[in-house]
Amino acid sequence: MLTFLHTFTGHQNPIYALSNSDKAGIFFSAGNDKGVVEWSLKKMAFIMVKMPVQSSVYTLHNYNNQMFAGERSGAFSVFDFIEQKVIARINAHHKGIFSIKTLSSKNELLTTGEDGHVAVWSLTDLKEKYRFLVAADTVRAIAISPDEQEIAFACKDHSIKIYHAADFSLKQALKAHTHPVTSVAYHPQGNYLISGGRDAQLHIWNLPSYNLVKSIPAHLFAVYDIAFHPELDLFATASQDKSIKLWDANNFKLYKILSLDKTGTGHTHSVNKLIWSKDGSKLISTGDDKKVIVWELTP
């Protein structure tokens, strides 16, 4: 299934964010270093520091030839790939930004993080359109349903808040985690919502009812990321317990554990972020050990 392929080194501090480029075989990483780094999967090589940042980067989001970098300072920067430069840096929040997503149907950008607020920005002029409070404390992650009708927010208060995308009104709050919710993702076909938390659990919520249908003791410590494969019925999870796990997206069977203990290769510290390459042939992972590891998916 997944086998070790390559390790990228060069970061001097923990890494929190990964993003694919619009170009095949190119991706970006960022963290406590003062820059976003560009890498080549084709050459398995460092390309360049793509853009400088003024504080640690917690999240990267790529959309329509632009890359958005959310920082610990509460600002986000916008790098335009057509102009090949940073075109904006916006002081969006009072505290760090943990998640950035786009509502393409509304041409809007969403930012959220430690202050518990969600800010809505126009992608036309990057002006703020709306702001609302989701939680009294941190909102760790955003997930947008495949039809872009609903938005899920992973909250530190142990809940998942579901909002209507049309008017940003609250639909319902989901409660099952016993610790902060740290990751959330919609199934690509909208079959269910999946959440992971500091309680090391994965919860499966049926759609459209959002009834809890399954709970999985997935890891030993916090589940920091959930990444669905772009084509196959697979998803991967990343954890503070230093492991990555590969799951069947239909029956939730565990296929593979990637860790130093199980495979002899892996991360030595918390795994913070996962992405699949655009063609789905590779899984890319990163974390507190300052490494970016590439895993190859084989039949």
Foldseek 3Di string as FASTA:
>chain_A
DKAFDDKDFDFPFWWAEKAAEPDFQKIWTFFQDQFIWIAGNVVRGTDGRQAGHDGTFNYWDDDDQWIWTWHQCQKIWIAHNVVSGTPDIGNHDNGTWQEWDDLVVQQWIWIFFFCQKIWIAHNVPRHTDDMDGRDNGTFHYWEAALVRQWIWTFFQVQWIWIAGRVPRHTDDIDHDGPGGWQEKYADNVRQWIWTWAQQCKIWTAGPPVRHTDDIDSHDDGTWHYKEAQPPAQKIWIFFQNFWIWIARNPPGDTDDIDHCVPRVDGGPGGWHDWYARPVRQWIWTGTRRNMITIIGDDD
